[in-house]
Amino acid sequence: MLWLADTDAEADSLADTDAEADSLADTDAEADWLADTDAEALWLADTDAEADSLALTDAEVD
């Protein structure tokens, strides 16, 4: 999941607002929380296709 925070542009693409993007990229702990469940990943994305690009397992976070 950490790859999601590599650039501001990548973070922006995940979130509806810059503020939400900031919250996605702030810490490793937050990145771990984002990937805990499929349901949380779906909540982050606007479409199922976008959700598929998010880390859906702890293994992918590591």
PDB file of N, CA and C in Angstrom:
ATOM      1  N   MET A   1       0.823  -1.208   0.000  1.00  0.00           N
ATOM      2  CA  MET A   1       0.000   0.000   0.000  1.00  0.00           C
ATOM      3  C   MET A   1       0.858   1.259   0.000  1.00  0.00           C
ATOM      4  N   LEU A   2       2.096   1.118   0.433  1.00  0.00           N
ATOM      5  CA  LEU A   2       2.934   2.298   0.522  1.00  0.00           C
ATOM      6  C   LEU A   2       3.178   2.938  -0.844  1.00  0.00           C
ATOM      7  N   TRP A   3       3.132   2.124  -1.910  1.00  0.00           N
ATOM      8  CA  TRP A   3       3.299   2.692  -3.246  1.00  0.00           C
ATOM      9  C   TRP A   3       2.231   3.735  -3.548  1.00  0.00           C
ATOM     10  N   LEU A   4       1.101   3.653  -2.840  1.00  0.00           N
ATOM     11  CA  LEU A   4       0.020   4.611  -3.077  1.00  0.00           C
ATOM     12  C   LEU A   4       0.421   6.033  -2.686  1.00  0.00           C
ATOM     13  N   ALA A   5       1.401   6.123  -1.769  1.00  0.00           N
ATOM     14  CA  ALA A   5       1.779   7.425  -1.235  1.00  0.00           C
ATOM     15  C   ALA A   5       3.058   7.981  -1.855  1.00  0.00           C
ATOM     16  N   ASP A   6       3.575   7.316  -2.887  1.00  0.00           N
ATOM     17  CA  ASP A   6       4.854   7.709  -3.460  1.00  0.00           C
ATOM     18  C   ASP A   6       4.876   9.140  -3.991  1.00  0.00           C
ATOM     19  N   THR A   7       3.804   9.573  -4.589  1.00  0.00           N
ATOM     20  CA  THR A   7       3.745  10.933  -5.118  1.00  0.00           C
ATOM     21  C   THR A   7       2.417  11.583  -4.761  1.00  0.00           C
ATOM     22  N   ASP A   8       2.415  12.889  -4.719  1.00  0.00           N
ATOM     23  CA  ASP A   8       1.173  13.618  -4.472  1.00  0.00           C
ATOM     24  C   ASP A   8       0.134  13.288  -5.539  1.00  0.00           C
ATOM     25  N   ALA A   9       0.589  13.128  -6.776  1.00  0.00           N
ATOM     26  CA  ALA A   9      -0.339  12.838  -7.864  1.00  0.00           C
ATOM     27  C   ALA A   9      -1.036  11.502  -7.644  1.00  0.00           C
ATOM     28  N   GLU A  10      -0.277  10.484  -7.205  1.00  0.00           N
ATOM     29  CA  GLU A  10      -0.885   9.185  -6.939  1.00  0.00           C
ATOM     30  C   GLU A  10      -1.872   9.281  -5.782  1.00  0.00           C
ATOM     31  N   ALA A  11      -1.509   9.999  -4.745  1.00  0.00           N
ATOM     32  CA  ALA A  11      -2.404  10.155  -3.602  1.00  0.00           C
ATOM     33  C   ALA A  11      -3.675  10.892  -4.015  1.00  0.00           C
ATOM     34  N   ASP A  12      -3.526  11.936  -4.823  1.00  0.00           N
ATOM     35  CA  ASP A  12      -4.683  12.696  -5.285  1.00  0.00           C
ATOM     36  C   ASP A  12      -5.652  11.824  -6.076  1.00  0.00           C
ATOM     37  N   SER A  13      -5.103  10.882  -6.847  1.00  0.00           N
ATOM     38  CA  SER A  13      -5.963  10.041  -7.675  1.00  0.00           C
ATOM     39  C   SER A  13      -6.831   9.107  -6.836  1.00  0.00           C
ATOM     40  N   LEU A  14      -6.432   8.876  -5.579  1.00  0.00           N
ATOM     41  CA  LEU A  14      -7.191   7.984  -4.704  1.00  0.00           C
ATOM     42  C   LEU A  14      -8.314   8.697  -3.969  1.00  0.00           C
ATOM     43  N   ALA A  15      -8.215   9.994  -3.843  1.00  0.00           N
ATOM     44  CA  ALA A  15      -9.119  10.724  -2.964  1.00  0.00           C
ATOM     45  C   ALA A  15      -9.911  11.792  -3.704  1.00  0.00           C
ATOM     46  N   ASP A  16     -11.046  12.130  -3.124  1.00  0.00           N
ATOM     47  CA  ASP A  16     -11.899  13.159  -3.703  1.00  0.00           C
ATOM     48  C   ASP A  16     -11.343  14.565  -3.509  1.00  0.00           C
ATOM     49  N   THR A  17     -10.591  14.766  -2.441  1.00  0.00           N
ATOM     50  CA  THR A  17     -10.034  16.084  -2.155  1.00  0.00           C
ATOM     51  C   THR A  17      -8.574  15.971  -1.762  1.00  0.00           C
ATOM     52  N   ASP A  18      -7.836  17.074  -1.851  1.00  0.00           N
ATOM     53  CA  ASP A  18      -6.441  17.084  -1.419  1.00  0.00           C
ATOM     54  C   ASP A  18      -6.327  16.705   0.051  1.00  0.00           C
ATOM     55  N   ALA A  19      -7.278  17.150   0.870  1.00  0.00           N
ATOM     56  CA  ALA A  19      -7.243  16.834   2.299  1.00  0.00           C
ATOM     57  C   ALA A  19      -7.325  15.332   2.528  1.00  0.00           C
ATOM     58  N   GLU A  20      -8.220  14.669   1.778  1.00  0.00           N
ATOM     59  CA  GLU A  20      -8.328  13.216   1.899  1.00  0.00           C
ATOM     60  C   GLU A  20      -7.058  12.542   1.406  1.00  0.00           C
ATOM     61  N   ALA A  21      -6.464  13.060   0.348  1.00  0.00           N
ATOM     62  CA  ALA A  21      -5.225  12.495  -0.172  1.00  0.00           C
ATOM     63  C   ALA A  21      -4.127  12.575   0.878  1.00  0.00           C
ATOM     64  N   ASP A  22      -4.048  13.707   1.572  1.00  0.00           N
ATOM     65  CA  ASP A  22      -3.053  13.864   2.629  1.00  0.00           C
ATOM     66  C   ASP A  22      -3.222  12.796   3.701  1.00  0.00           C
ATOM     67  N   SER A  23      -4.449  12.504   4.072  1.00  0.00           N
ATOM     68  CA  SER A  23      -4.686  11.519   5.128  1.00  0.00           C
ATOM     69  C   SER A  23      -4.300  10.113   4.683  1.00  0.00           C
ATOM     70  N   LEU A  24      -4.297   9.861   3.362  1.00  0.00           N
ATOM     71  CA  LEU A  24      -3.916   8.548   2.852  1.00  0.00           C
ATOM     72  C   LEU A  24      -2.417   8.316   2.939  1.00  0.00           C
ATOM     73  N   ALA A  25      -1.640   9.382   2.827  1.00  0.00           N
ATOM     74  CA  ALA A  25      -0.200   9.237   2.651  1.00  0.00           C
ATOM     75  C   ALA A  25       0.616   9.597   3.884  1.00  0.00           C
ATOM     76  N   ASP A  26      -0.016  10.024   4.958  1.00  0.00           N
ATOM     77  CA  ASP A  26       0.728  10.588   6.078  1.00  0.00           C
ATOM     78  C   ASP A  26       1.670   9.608   6.778  1.00  0.00           C
ATOM     79  N   THR A  27       1.224   8.399   7.053  1.00  0.00           N
ATOM     80  CA  THR A  27       2.037   7.466   7.826  1.00  0.00           C
ATOM     81  C   THR A  27       1.891   6.036   7.335  1.00  0.00           C
ATOM     82  N   ASP A  28       2.873   5.193   7.651  1.00  0.00           N
ATOM     83  CA  ASP A  28       2.778   3.770   7.350  1.00  0.00           C
ATOM     84  C   ASP A  28       1.566   3.165   8.050  1.00  0.00           C
ATOM     85  N   ALA A  29       1.309   3.591   9.279  1.00  0.00           N
ATOM     86  CA  ALA A  29       0.180   3.055  10.038  1.00  0.00           C
ATOM     87  C   ALA A  29      -1.136   3.327   9.322  1.00  0.00           C
ATOM     88  N   GLU A  30      -1.284   4.521   8.774  1.00  0.00           N
ATOM     89  CA  GLU A  30      -2.505   4.842   8.029  1.00  0.00           C
ATOM     90  C   GLU A  30      -2.606   3.995   6.764  1.00  0.00           C
ATOM     91  N   ALA A  31      -1.475   3.767   6.106  1.00  0.00           N
ATOM     92  CA  ALA A  31      -1.486   2.938   4.909  1.00  0.00           C
ATOM     93  C   ALA A  31      -1.925   1.517   5.255  1.00  0.00           C
ATOM     94  N   ASP A  32      -1.452   0.997   6.390  1.00  0.00           N
ATOM     95  CA  ASP A  32      -1.865  -0.335   6.841  1.00  0.00           C
ATOM     96  C   ASP A  32      -3.367  -0.374   7.083  1.00  0.00           C
ATOM     97  N   TRP A  33      -3.892   0.653   7.728  1.00  0.00           N
ATOM     98  CA  TRP A  33      -5.325   0.702   8.042  1.00  0.00           C
ATOM     99  C   TRP A  33      -6.165   0.697   6.767  1.00  0.00           C
ATOM    100  N   LEU A  34      -5.662   1.339   5.731  1.00  0.00           N
ATOM    101  CA  LEU A  34      -6.416   1.435   4.482  1.00  0.00           C
ATOM    102  C   LEU A  34      -6.599   0.083   3.808  1.00  0.00           C
ATOM    103  N   ALA A  35      -5.665  -0.835   4.059  1.00  0.00           N
ATOM    104  CA  ALA A  35      -5.674  -2.109   3.355  1.00  0.00           C
ATOM    105  C   ALA A  35      -6.234  -3.253   4.191  1.00  0.00           C
ATOM    106  N   ASP A  36      -6.758  -2.970   5.371  1.00  0.00           N
ATOM    107  CA  ASP A  36      -7.173  -4.028   6.284  1.00  0.00           C
ATOM    108  C   ASP A  36      -8.278  -4.924   5.733  1.00  0.00           C
ATOM    109  N   THR A  37      -9.219  -4.370   5.042  1.00  0.00           N
ATOM    110  CA  THR A  37     -10.333  -5.169   4.539  1.00  0.00           C
ATOM    111  C   THR A  37     -10.718  -4.761   3.126  1.00  0.00           C
ATOM    112  N   ASP A  38     -11.323  -5.689   2.405  1.00  0.00           N
ATOM    113  CA  ASP A  38     -11.836  -5.372   1.077  1.00  0.00           C
ATOM    114  C   ASP A  38     -12.870  -4.249   1.164  1.00  0.00           C
ATOM    115  N   ALA A  39     -13.686  -4.284   2.202  1.00  0.00           N
ATOM    116  CA  ALA A  39     -14.733  -3.277   2.356  1.00  0.00           C
ATOM    117  C   ALA A  39     -14.136  -1.879   2.469  1.00  0.00           C
ATOM    118  N   GLU A  40     -13.054  -1.749   3.250  1.00  0.00           N
ATOM    119  CA  GLU A  40     -12.414  -0.446   3.381  1.00  0.00           C
ATOM    120  C   GLU A  40     -11.812  -0.007   2.051  1.00  0.00           C
ATOM    121  N   ALA A  41     -11.242  -0.931   1.307  1.00  0.00           N
ATOM    122  CA  ALA A  41     -10.654  -0.594   0.016  1.00  0.00           C
ATOM    123  C   ALA A  41     -11.732  -0.106  -0.950  1.00  0.00           C
ATOM    124  N   LEU A  42     -12.879  -0.774  -0.939  1.00  0.00           N
ATOM    125  CA  LEU A  42     -13.976  -0.356  -1.804  1.00  0.00           C
ATOM    126  C   LEU A  42     -14.468   1.034  -1.435  1.00  0.00           C
ATOM    127  N   TRP A  43     -14.471   1.349  -0.149  1.00  0.00           N
ATOM    128  CA  TRP A  43     -14.906   2.663   0.315  1.00  0.00           C
ATOM    129  C   TRP A  43     -13.979   3.759  -0.206  1.00  0.00           C
ATOM    130  N   LEU A  44     -12.698   3.424  -0.381  1.00  0.00           N
ATOM    131  CA  LEU A  44     -11.726   4.409  -0.851  1.00  0.00           C
ATOM    132  C   LEU A  44     -11.872   4.727  -2.332  1.00  0.00           C
ATOM    133  N   ALA A  45     -12.464   3.827  -3.080  1.00  0.00           N
ATOM    134  CA  ALA A  45     -12.466   3.958  -4.529  1.00  0.00           C
ATOM    135  C   ALA A  45     -13.838   4.351  -5.061  1.00  0.00           C
ATOM    136  N   ASP A  46     -13.820   5.017  -6.200  1.00  0.00           N
ATOM    137  CA  ASP A  46     -15.057   5.428  -6.849  1.00  0.00           C
ATOM    138  C   ASP A  46     -15.689   4.289  -7.643  1.00  0.00           C
ATOM    139  N   THR A  47     -14.868   3.339  -8.067  1.00  0.00           N
ATOM    140  CA  THR A  47     -15.360   2.223  -8.864  1.00  0.00           C
ATOM    141  C   THR A  47     -14.706   0.927  -8.415  1.00  0.00           C
ATOM    142  N   ASP A  48     -15.316  -0.205  -8.749  1.00  0.00           N
ATOM    143  CA  ASP A  48     -14.721  -1.498  -8.436  1.00  0.00           C
ATOM    144  C   ASP A  48     -13.347  -1.641  -9.084  1.00  0.00           C
ATOM    145  N   ALA A  49     -13.200  -1.114 -10.292  1.00  0.00           N
ATOM    146  CA  ALA A  49     -11.914  -1.197 -10.986  1.00  0.00           C
ATOM    147  C   ALA A  49     -10.824  -0.479 -10.211  1.00  0.00           C
ATOM    148  N   GLU A  50     -11.149   0.693  -9.669  1.00  0.00           N
ATOM    149  CA  GLU A  50     -10.173   1.421  -8.865  1.00  0.00           C
ATOM    150  C   GLU A  50      -9.870   0.656  -7.582  1.00  0.00           C
ATOM    151  N   ALA A  51     -10.867   0.031  -6.996  1.00  0.00           N
ATOM    152  CA  ALA A  51     -10.661  -0.740  -5.776  1.00  0.00           C
ATOM    153  C   ALA A  51      -9.684  -1.879  -6.026  1.00  0.00           C
ATOM    154  N   ASP A  52      -9.788  -2.500  -7.193  1.00  0.00           N
ATOM    155  CA  ASP A  52      -8.875  -3.588  -7.539  1.00  0.00           C
ATOM    156  C   ASP A  52      -7.424  -3.130  -7.538  1.00  0.00           C
ATOM    157  N   SER A  53      -7.180  -1.868  -7.826  1.00  0.00           N
ATOM    158  CA  SER A  53      -5.812  -1.369  -7.865  1.00  0.00           C
ATOM    159  C   SER A  53      -5.271  -1.055  -6.473  1.00  0.00           C
ATOM    160  N   LEU A  54      -6.144  -1.061  -5.455  1.00  0.00           N
ATOM    161  CA  LEU A  54      -5.710  -0.824  -4.082  1.00  0.00           C
ATOM    162  C   LEU A  54      -5.237  -2.126  -3.455  1.00  0.00           C
ATOM    163  N   ALA A  55      -4.375  -2.034  -2.440  1.00  0.00           N
ATOM    164  CA  ALA A  55      -3.917  -3.225  -1.730  1.00  0.00           C
ATOM    165  C   ALA A  55      -5.056  -3.779  -0.888  1.00  0.00           C
ATOM    166  N   LEU A  56      -5.422  -5.026  -1.138  1.00  0.00           N
ATOM    167  CA  LEU A  56      -6.551  -5.618  -0.438  1.00  0.00           C
ATOM    168  C   LEU A  56      -6.121  -6.565   0.677  1.00  0.00           C
ATOM    169  N   THR A  57      -4.816  -6.804   0.816  1.00  0.00           N
ATOM    170  CA  THR A  57      -4.333  -7.706   1.859  1.00  0.00           C
ATOM    171  C   THR A  57      -3.175  -7.066   2.608  1.00  0.00           C
ATOM    172  N   ASP A  58      -2.939  -7.536   3.833  1.00  0.00           N
ATOM    173  CA  ASP A  58      -1.796  -7.056   4.597  1.00  0.00           C
ATOM    174  C   ASP A  58      -0.487  -7.379   3.880  1.00  0.00           C
ATOM    175  N   ALA A  59      -0.437  -8.515   3.194  1.00  0.00           N
ATOM    176  CA  ALA A  59       0.768  -8.896   2.457  1.00  0.00           C
ATOM    177  C   ALA A  59       1.124  -7.845   1.409  1.00  0.00           C
ATOM    178  N   GLU A  60       0.115  -7.306   0.739  1.00  0.00           N
ATOM    179  CA  GLU A  60       0.369  -6.289  -0.271  1.00  0.00           C
ATOM    180  C   GLU A  60       0.828  -4.981   0.365  1.00  0.00           C
ATOM    181  N   VAL A  61       0.401  -4.731   1.600  1.00  0.00           N
ATOM    182  CA  VAL A  61       0.844  -3.532   2.305  1.00  0.00           C
ATOM    183  C   VAL A  61       2.328  -3.627   2.585  1.00  0.00           C
ATOM    184  N   ASP A  62       2.753  -4.814   3.058  1.00  0.00           N
ATOM    185  CA  ASP A  62       4.164  -5.018   3.374  1.00  0.00           C
ATOM    186  C   ASP A  62       4.991  -4.995   2.098  1.00  0.00           C
TER     187      ASP A  62
END
